Amino acid sequence: DLAPATRRRLAEHYAPFNADLEDLLDRDLP
């Protein structure tokens, strides 16, 4: 249901946070 442009902006915004979380958890996130 999420517009592709909105999904892309959210992914870009949260990318650094997700990278930190992946490092902390030592795993890839879905």
PDB file of all heavy atoms in Angstrom:
ATOM      1  N   ASP A   1       0.797  -1.212   0.000  1.00  0.00           N
ATOM      2  CA  ASP A   1       0.000   0.000   0.000  1.00  0.00           C
ATOM      3  C   ASP A   1       0.837   1.272   0.000  1.00  0.00           C
ATOM      4  O   ASP A   1       0.331   2.351  -0.271  1.00  0.00           O
ATOM      5  CB  ASP A   1      -0.932   0.034   1.221  1.00  0.00           C
ATOM      6  CG  ASP A   1      -1.948  -1.094   1.192  1.00  0.00           C
ATOM      7  OD1 ASP A   1      -2.257  -1.588   0.092  1.00  0.00           O
ATOM      8  OD2 ASP A   1      -2.421  -1.490   2.267  1.00  0.00           O
ATOM      9  N   LEU A   2       2.123   1.171   0.306  1.00  0.00           N
ATOM     10  CA  LEU A   2       2.990   2.336   0.398  1.00  0.00           C
ATOM     11  C   LEU A   2       3.477   2.722  -0.992  1.00  0.00           C
ATOM     12  O   LEU A   2       3.948   1.873  -1.753  1.00  0.00           O
ATOM     13  CB  LEU A   2       4.178   1.994   1.297  1.00  0.00           C
ATOM     14  CG  LEU A   2       4.933   3.129   1.934  1.00  0.00           C
ATOM     15  CD1 LEU A   2       4.014   4.021   2.768  1.00  0.00           C
ATOM     16  CD2 LEU A   2       6.024   2.564   2.831  1.00  0.00           C
ATOM     17  N   ALA A   3       3.371   4.001  -1.317  1.00  0.00           N
ATOM     18  CA  ALA A   3       3.831   4.478  -2.624  1.00  0.00           C
ATOM     19  C   ALA A   3       5.332   4.233  -2.762  1.00  0.00           C
ATOM     20  O   ALA A   3       6.081   4.414  -1.796  1.00  0.00           O
ATOM     21  CB  ALA A   3       3.518   5.964  -2.768  1.00  0.00           C
ATOM     22  N   PRO A   4       5.789   3.821  -3.932  1.00  0.00           N
ATOM     23  CA  PRO A   4       7.219   3.543  -4.128  1.00  0.00           C
ATOM     24  C   PRO A   4       8.124   4.714  -3.740  1.00  0.00           C
ATOM     25  O   PRO A   4       9.175   4.511  -3.136  1.00  0.00           O
ATOM     26  CB  PRO A   4       7.324   3.222  -5.618  1.00  0.00           C
ATOM     27  CG  PRO A   4       5.971   2.711  -5.985  1.00  0.00           C
ATOM     28  CD  PRO A   4       5.007   3.488  -5.125  1.00  0.00           C
ATOM     29  N   ALA A   5       7.726   5.927  -4.067  1.00  0.00           N
ATOM     30  CA  ALA A   5       8.554   7.096  -3.718  1.00  0.00           C
ATOM     31  C   ALA A   5       8.643   7.265  -2.203  1.00  0.00           C
ATOM     32  O   ALA A   5       9.709   7.589  -1.669  1.00  0.00           O
ATOM     33  CB  ALA A   5       7.994   8.356  -4.365  1.00  0.00           C
ATOM     34  N   THR A   6       7.547   7.034  -1.504  1.00  0.00           N
ATOM     35  CA  THR A   6       7.541   7.130  -0.046  1.00  0.00           C
ATOM     36  C   THR A   6       8.412   6.035   0.552  1.00  0.00           C
ATOM     37  O   THR A   6       9.214   6.280   1.456  1.00  0.00           O
ATOM     38  CB  THR A   6       6.105   7.036   0.498  1.00  0.00           C
ATOM     39  OG1 THR A   6       5.325   8.073  -0.082  1.00  0.00           O
ATOM     40  CG2 THR A   6       6.072   7.136   2.008  1.00  0.00           C
ATOM     41  N   ARG A   7       8.281   4.824   0.032  1.00  0.00           N
ATOM     42  CA  ARG A   7       9.102   3.702   0.516  1.00  0.00           C
ATOM     43  C   ARG A   7      10.594   4.013   0.313  1.00  0.00           C
ATOM     44  O   ARG A   7      11.410   3.763   1.185  1.00  0.00           O
ATOM     45  CB  ARG A   7       8.717   2.418  -0.218  1.00  0.00           C
ATOM     46  CG  ARG A   7       9.431   1.186   0.312  1.00  0.00           C
ATOM     47  CD  ARG A   7       8.989  -0.074  -0.398  1.00  0.00           C
ATOM     48  NE  ARG A   7       7.572  -0.346  -0.285  1.00  0.00           N
ATOM     49  CZ  ARG A   7       6.979  -0.894   0.768  1.00  0.00           C
ATOM     50  NH1 ARG A   7       7.688  -1.238   1.812  1.00  0.00           N
ATOM     51  NH2 ARG A   7       5.686  -1.102   0.772  1.00  0.00           N
ATOM     52  N   ARG A   8      10.946   4.590  -0.840  1.00  0.00           N
ATOM     53  CA  ARG A   8      12.341   4.924  -1.129  1.00  0.00           C
ATOM     54  C   ARG A   8      12.859   5.989  -0.166  1.00  0.00           C
ATOM     55  O   ARG A   8      13.952   5.872   0.376  1.00  0.00           O
ATOM     56  CB  ARG A   8      12.486   5.381  -2.578  1.00  0.00           C
ATOM     57  CG  ARG A   8      13.920   5.611  -3.020  1.00  0.00           C
ATOM     58  CD  ARG A   8      14.051   6.047  -4.478  1.00  0.00           C
ATOM     59  NE  ARG A   8      13.335   7.285  -4.751  1.00  0.00           N
ATOM     60  CZ  ARG A   8      12.161   7.373  -5.387  1.00  0.00           C
ATOM     61  NH1 ARG A   8      11.555   6.288  -5.836  1.00  0.00           N
ATOM     62  NH2 ARG A   8      11.584   8.535  -5.584  1.00  0.00           N
ATOM     63  N   ARG A   9      12.060   7.047   0.079  1.00  0.00           N
ATOM     64  CA  ARG A   9      12.482   8.110   1.012  1.00  0.00           C
ATOM     65  C   ARG A   9      12.654   7.566   2.420  1.00  0.00           C
ATOM     66  O   ARG A   9      13.615   7.910   3.117  1.00  0.00           O
ATOM     67  CB  ARG A   9      11.472   9.257   1.002  1.00  0.00           C
ATOM     68  CG  ARG A   9      11.587  10.143  -0.225  1.00  0.00           C
ATOM     69  CD  ARG A   9      10.846  11.458  -0.080  1.00  0.00           C
ATOM     70  NE  ARG A   9       9.455  11.312   0.305  1.00  0.00           N
ATOM     71  CZ  ARG A   9       8.439  11.124  -0.553  1.00  0.00           C
ATOM     72  NH1 ARG A   9       8.675  11.053  -1.843  1.00  0.00           N
ATOM     73  NH2 ARG A   9       7.209  11.005  -0.113  1.00  0.00           N
ATOM     74  N   LEU A  10      11.756   6.694   2.851  1.00  0.00           N
ATOM     75  CA  LEU A  10      11.885   6.094   4.182  1.00  0.00           C
ATOM     76  C   LEU A  10      13.133   5.221   4.266  1.00  0.00           C
ATOM     77  O   LEU A  10      13.863   5.260   5.258  1.00  0.00           O
ATOM     78  CB  LEU A  10      10.640   5.273   4.521  1.00  0.00           C
ATOM     79  CG  LEU A  10       9.392   6.087   4.855  1.00  0.00           C
ATOM     80  CD1 LEU A  10       8.171   5.172   4.915  1.00  0.00           C
ATOM     81  CD2 LEU A  10       9.565   6.838   6.155  1.00  0.00           C
ATOM     82  N   ALA A  11      13.387   4.434   3.224  1.00  0.00           N
ATOM     83  CA  ALA A  11      14.574   3.575   3.210  1.00  0.00           C
ATOM     84  C   ALA A  11      15.840   4.416   3.292  1.00  0.00           C
ATOM     85  O   ALA A  11      16.770   4.083   4.044  1.00  0.00           O
ATOM     86  CB  ALA A  11      14.580   2.709   1.951  1.00  0.00           C
ATOM     87  N   GLU A  12      15.893   5.512   2.548  1.00  0.00           N
ATOM     88  CA  GLU A  12      17.070   6.397   2.591  1.00  0.00           C
ATOM     89  C   GLU A  12      17.230   7.030   3.968  1.00  0.00           C
ATOM     90  O   GLU A  12      18.333   7.105   4.502  1.00  0.00           O
ATOM     91  CB  GLU A  12      16.948   7.477   1.521  1.00  0.00           C
ATOM     92  CG  GLU A  12      17.084   6.951   0.103  1.00  0.00           C
ATOM     93  CD  GLU A  12      16.674   7.964  -0.958  1.00  0.00           C
ATOM     94  OE1 GLU A  12      16.285   9.107  -0.620  1.00  0.00           O
ATOM     95  OE2 GLU A  12      16.735   7.599  -2.156  1.00  0.00           O
ATOM     96  N   HIS A  13      16.134   7.480   4.540  1.00  0.00           N
ATOM     97  CA  HIS A  13      16.178   8.129   5.852  1.00  0.00           C
ATOM     98  C   HIS A  13      16.671   7.165   6.938  1.00  0.00           C
ATOM     99  O   HIS A  13      17.492   7.533   7.779  1.00  0.00           O
ATOM    100  CB  HIS A  13      14.799   8.682   6.229  1.00  0.00           C
ATOM    101  CG  HIS A  13      14.745   9.229   7.611  1.00  0.00           C
ATOM    102  ND1 HIS A  13      15.253  10.473   7.930  1.00  0.00           N
ATOM    103  CD2 HIS A  13      14.283   8.693   8.765  1.00  0.00           C
ATOM    104  CE1 HIS A  13      15.098  10.683   9.229  1.00  0.00           C
ATOM    105  NE2 HIS A  13      14.501   9.624   9.760  1.00  0.00           N
ATOM    106  N   TYR A  14      16.157   5.947   6.922  1.00  0.00           N
ATOM    107  CA  TYR A  14      16.476   4.992   7.989  1.00  0.00           C
ATOM    108  C   TYR A  14      17.720   4.148   7.723  1.00  0.00           C
ATOM    109  O   TYR A  14      18.149   3.389   8.594  1.00  0.00           O
ATOM    110  CB  TYR A  14      15.268   4.082   8.264  1.00  0.00           C
ATOM    111  CG  TYR A  14      14.194   4.810   9.011  1.00  0.00           C
ATOM    112  CD1 TYR A  14      13.032   5.225   8.372  1.00  0.00           C
ATOM    113  CD2 TYR A  14      14.350   5.104  10.361  1.00  0.00           C
ATOM    114  CE1 TYR A  14      12.048   5.911   9.070  1.00  0.00           C
ATOM    115  CE2 TYR A  14      13.376   5.792  11.056  1.00  0.00           C
ATOM    116  CZ  TYR A  14      12.226   6.191  10.405  1.00  0.00           C
ATOM    117  OH  TYR A  14      11.270   6.874  11.089  1.00  0.00           O
ATOM    118  N   ALA A  15      18.327   4.277   6.542  1.00  0.00           N
ATOM    119  CA  ALA A  15      19.495   3.459   6.200  1.00  0.00           C
ATOM    120  C   ALA A  15      20.607   3.523   7.243  1.00  0.00           C
ATOM    121  O   ALA A  15      21.132   2.487   7.664  1.00  0.00           O
ATOM    122  CB  ALA A  15      20.014   3.827   4.811  1.00  0.00           C
ATOM    123  N   PRO A  16      21.012   4.719   7.729  1.00  0.00           N
ATOM    124  CA  PRO A  16      22.093   4.736   8.718  1.00  0.00           C
ATOM    125  C   PRO A  16      21.695   4.073  10.037  1.00  0.00           C
ATOM    126  O   PRO A  16      22.510   3.398  10.674  1.00  0.00           O
ATOM    127  CB  PRO A  16      22.411   6.214   8.927  1.00  0.00           C
ATOM    128  CG  PRO A  16      21.465   7.006   8.109  1.00  0.00           C
ATOM    129  CD  PRO A  16      20.617   6.057   7.314  1.00  0.00           C
ATOM    130  N   PHE A  17      20.452   4.222  10.425  1.00  0.00           N
ATOM    131  CA  PHE A  17      19.976   3.599  11.670  1.00  0.00           C
ATOM    132  C   PHE A  17      19.938   2.079  11.515  1.00  0.00           C
ATOM    133  O   PHE A  17      20.307   1.335  12.427  1.00  0.00           O
ATOM    134  CB  PHE A  17      18.599   4.133  12.055  1.00  0.00           C
ATOM    135  CG  PHE A  17      18.559   5.620  12.193  1.00  0.00           C
ATOM    136  CD1 PHE A  17      17.948   6.405  11.226  1.00  0.00           C
ATOM    137  CD2 PHE A  17      19.151   6.243  13.285  1.00  0.00           C
ATOM    138  CE1 PHE A  17      17.917   7.786  11.344  1.00  0.00           C
ATOM    139  CE2 PHE A  17      19.123   7.624  13.417  1.00  0.00           C
ATOM    140  CZ  PHE A  17      18.507   8.396  12.442  1.00  0.00           C
ATOM    141  N   ASN A  18      19.465   1.618  10.353  1.00  0.00           N
ATOM    142  CA  ASN A  18      19.426   0.183  10.099  1.00  0.00           C
ATOM    143  C   ASN A  18      20.828  -0.409  10.072  1.00  0.00           C
ATOM    144  O   ASN A  18      21.051  -1.509  10.573  1.00  0.00           O
ATOM    145  CB  ASN A  18      18.694  -0.112   8.789  1.00  0.00           C
ATOM    146  CG  ASN A  18      17.200   0.124   8.907  1.00  0.00           C
ATOM    147  OD1 ASN A  18      16.634   0.010   9.981  1.00  0.00           O
ATOM    148  ND2 ASN A  18      16.571   0.463   7.799  1.00  0.00           N
ATOM    149  N   ALA A  19      21.784   0.319   9.492  1.00  0.00           N
ATOM    150  CA  ALA A  19      23.166  -0.168   9.451  1.00  0.00           C
ATOM    151  C   ALA A  19      23.720  -0.307  10.873  1.00  0.00           C
ATOM    152  O   ALA A  19      24.373  -1.305  11.199  1.00  0.00           O
ATOM    153  CB  ALA A  19      24.031   0.781   8.623  1.00  0.00           C
ATOM    154  N   ASP A  20      23.441   0.683  11.719  1.00  0.00           N
ATOM    155  CA  ASP A  20      23.886   0.596  13.117  1.00  0.00           C
ATOM    156  C   ASP A  20      23.244  -0.587  13.828  1.00  0.00           C
ATOM    157  O   ASP A  20      23.901  -1.304  14.587  1.00  0.00           O
ATOM    158  CB  ASP A  20      23.550   1.884  13.874  1.00  0.00           C
ATOM    159  CG  ASP A  20      24.417   3.067  13.468  1.00  0.00           C
ATOM    160  OD1 ASP A  20      25.460   2.854  12.813  1.00  0.00           O
ATOM    161  OD2 ASP A  20      24.040   4.208  13.813  1.00  0.00           O
ATOM    162  N   LEU A  21      21.960  -0.793  13.590  1.00  0.00           N
ATOM    163  CA  LEU A  21      21.250  -1.895  14.230  1.00  0.00           C
ATOM    164  C   LEU A  21      21.788  -3.243  13.737  1.00  0.00           C
ATOM    165  O   LEU A  21      21.971  -4.171  14.526  1.00  0.00           O
ATOM    166  CB  LEU A  21      19.746  -1.777  13.962  1.00  0.00           C
ATOM    167  CG  LEU A  21      18.833  -2.751  14.674  1.00  0.00           C
ATOM    168  CD1 LEU A  21      19.027  -2.695  16.193  1.00  0.00           C
ATOM    169  CD2 LEU A  21      17.379  -2.461  14.329  1.00  0.00           C
ATOM    170  N   GLU A  22      22.072  -3.348  12.443  1.00  0.00           N
ATOM    171  CA  GLU A  22      22.641  -4.585  11.915  1.00  0.00           C
ATOM    172  C   GLU A  22      24.001  -4.873  12.546  1.00  0.00           C
ATOM    173  O   GLU A  22      24.302  -6.016  12.884  1.00  0.00           O
ATOM    174  CB  GLU A  22      22.760  -4.513  10.395  1.00  0.00           C
ATOM    175  CG  GLU A  22      21.425  -4.619   9.700  1.00  0.00           C
ATOM    176  CD  GLU A  22      21.522  -4.560   8.192  1.00  0.00           C
ATOM    177  OE1 GLU A  22      22.469  -3.951   7.657  1.00  0.00           O
ATOM    178  OE2 GLU A  22      20.627  -5.117   7.541  1.00  0.00           O
ATOM    179  N   ASP A  23      24.801  -3.827  12.710  1.00  0.00           N
ATOM    180  CA  ASP A  23      26.106  -4.009  13.365  1.00  0.00           C
ATOM    181  C   ASP A  23      25.920  -4.461  14.809  1.00  0.00           C
ATOM    182  O   ASP A  23      26.614  -5.362  15.281  1.00  0.00           O
ATOM    183  CB  ASP A  23      26.916  -2.711  13.333  1.00  0.00           C
ATOM    184  CG  ASP A  23      27.458  -2.390  11.953  1.00  0.00           C
ATOM    185  OD1 ASP A  23      27.497  -3.293  11.089  1.00  0.00           O
ATOM    186  OD2 ASP A  23      27.845  -1.219  11.735  1.00  0.00           O
ATOM    187  N   LEU A  24      25.007  -3.836  15.506  1.00  0.00           N
ATOM    188  CA  LEU A  24      24.761  -4.161  16.905  1.00  0.00           C
ATOM    189  C   LEU A  24      24.273  -5.600  17.066  1.00  0.00           C
ATOM    190  O   LEU A  24      24.724  -6.325  17.956  1.00  0.00           O
ATOM    191  CB  LEU A  24      23.724  -3.191  17.493  1.00  0.00           C
ATOM    192  CG  LEU A  24      23.353  -3.384  18.942  1.00  0.00           C
ATOM    193  CD1 LEU A  24      24.536  -3.044  19.841  1.00  0.00           C
ATOM    194  CD2 LEU A  24      22.157  -2.521  19.298  1.00  0.00           C
ATOM    195  N   LEU A  25      23.365  -6.024  16.180  1.00  0.00           N
ATOM    196  CA  LEU A  25      22.786  -7.364  16.260  1.00  0.00           C
ATOM    197  C   LEU A  25      23.627  -8.412  15.541  1.00  0.00           C
ATOM    198  O   LEU A  25      23.368  -9.603  15.686  1.00  0.00           O
ATOM    199  CB  LEU A  25      21.372  -7.364  15.673  1.00  0.00           C
ATOM    200  CG  LEU A  25      20.364  -6.452  16.351  1.00  0.00           C
ATOM    201  CD1 LEU A  25      19.043  -6.482  15.601  1.00  0.00           C
ATOM    202  CD2 LEU A  25      20.181  -6.822  17.808  1.00  0.00           C
ATOM    203  N   ASP A  26      24.588  -7.968  14.757  1.00  0.00           N
ATOM    204  CA  ASP A  26      25.441  -8.858  13.977  1.00  0.00           C
ATOM    205  C   ASP A  26      24.620  -9.756  13.059  1.00  0.00           C
ATOM    206  O   ASP A  26      24.787 -10.975  13.007  1.00  0.00           O
ATOM    207  CB  ASP A  26      26.337  -9.700  14.889  1.00  0.00           C
ATOM    208  CG  ASP A  26      27.448 -10.408  14.125  1.00  0.00           C
ATOM    209  OD1 ASP A  26      27.861  -9.887  13.068  1.00  0.00           O
ATOM    210  OD2 ASP A  26      27.884 -11.479  14.564  1.00  0.00           O
ATOM    211  N   ARG A  27      23.686  -9.132  12.345  1.00  0.00           N
ATOM    212  CA  ARG A  27      22.856  -9.851  11.386  1.00  0.00           C
ATOM    213  C   ARG A  27      22.230  -8.886  10.409  1.00  0.00           C
ATOM    214  O   ARG A  27      22.114  -7.695  10.689  1.00  0.00           O
ATOM    215  CB  ARG A  27      21.769 -10.659  12.089  1.00  0.00           C
ATOM    216  CG  ARG A  27      20.718  -9.812  12.786  1.00  0.00           C
ATOM    217  CD  ARG A  27      19.531 -10.583  13.258  1.00  0.00           C
ATOM    218  NE  ARG A  27      18.759 -11.000  12.114  1.00  0.00           N
ATOM    219  CZ  ARG A  27      17.603 -11.634  12.206  1.00  0.00           C
ATOM    220  NH1 ARG A  27      17.111 -11.948  13.363  1.00  0.00           N
ATOM    221  NH2 ARG A  27      16.939 -11.979  11.142  1.00  0.00           N
ATOM    222  N   ASP A  28      21.843  -9.410   9.247  1.00  0.00           N
ATOM    223  CA  ASP A  28      21.107  -8.602   8.270  1.00  0.00           C
ATOM    224  C   ASP A  28      19.661  -8.519   8.703  1.00  0.00           C
ATOM    225  O   ASP A  28      19.126  -9.473   9.280  1.00  0.00           O
ATOM    226  CB  ASP A  28      21.173  -9.248   6.886  1.00  0.00           C
ATOM    227  CG  ASP A  28      22.565  -9.209   6.294  1.00  0.00           C
ATOM    228  OD1 ASP A  28      23.340  -8.292   6.636  1.00  0.00           O
ATOM    229  OD2 ASP A  28      22.895 -10.100   5.494  1.00  0.00           O
ATOM    230  N   LEU A  29      19.056  -7.399   8.416  1.00  0.00           N
ATOM    231  CA  LEU A  29      17.643  -7.221   8.752  1.00  0.00           C
ATOM    232  C   LEU A  29      16.795  -7.340   7.492  1.00  0.00           C
ATOM    233  O   LEU A  29      17.195  -6.846   6.430  1.00  0.00           O
ATOM    234  CB  LEU A  29      17.431  -5.845   9.397  1.00  0.00           C
ATOM    235  CG  LEU A  29      18.180  -5.657  10.713  1.00  0.00           C
ATOM    236  CD1 LEU A  29      18.110  -4.214  11.176  1.00  0.00           C
ATOM    237  CD2 LEU A  29      17.626  -6.586  11.777  1.00  0.00           C
ATOM    238  N   PRO A  30      15.641  -7.988   7.591  1.00  0.00           N
ATOM    239  CA  PRO A  30      14.844  -8.243   6.394  1.00  0.00           C
ATOM    240  C   PRO A  30      14.417  -6.978   5.656  1.00  0.00           C
ATOM    241  O   PRO A  30      14.339  -6.970   4.443  1.00  0.00           O
ATOM    242  CB  PRO A  30      13.627  -8.998   6.898  1.00  0.00           C
ATOM    243  CG  PRO A  30      13.771  -9.181   8.337  1.00  0.00           C
ATOM    244  CD  PRO A  30      15.047  -8.545   8.781  1.00  0.00           C
TER     245      PRO A  30
END
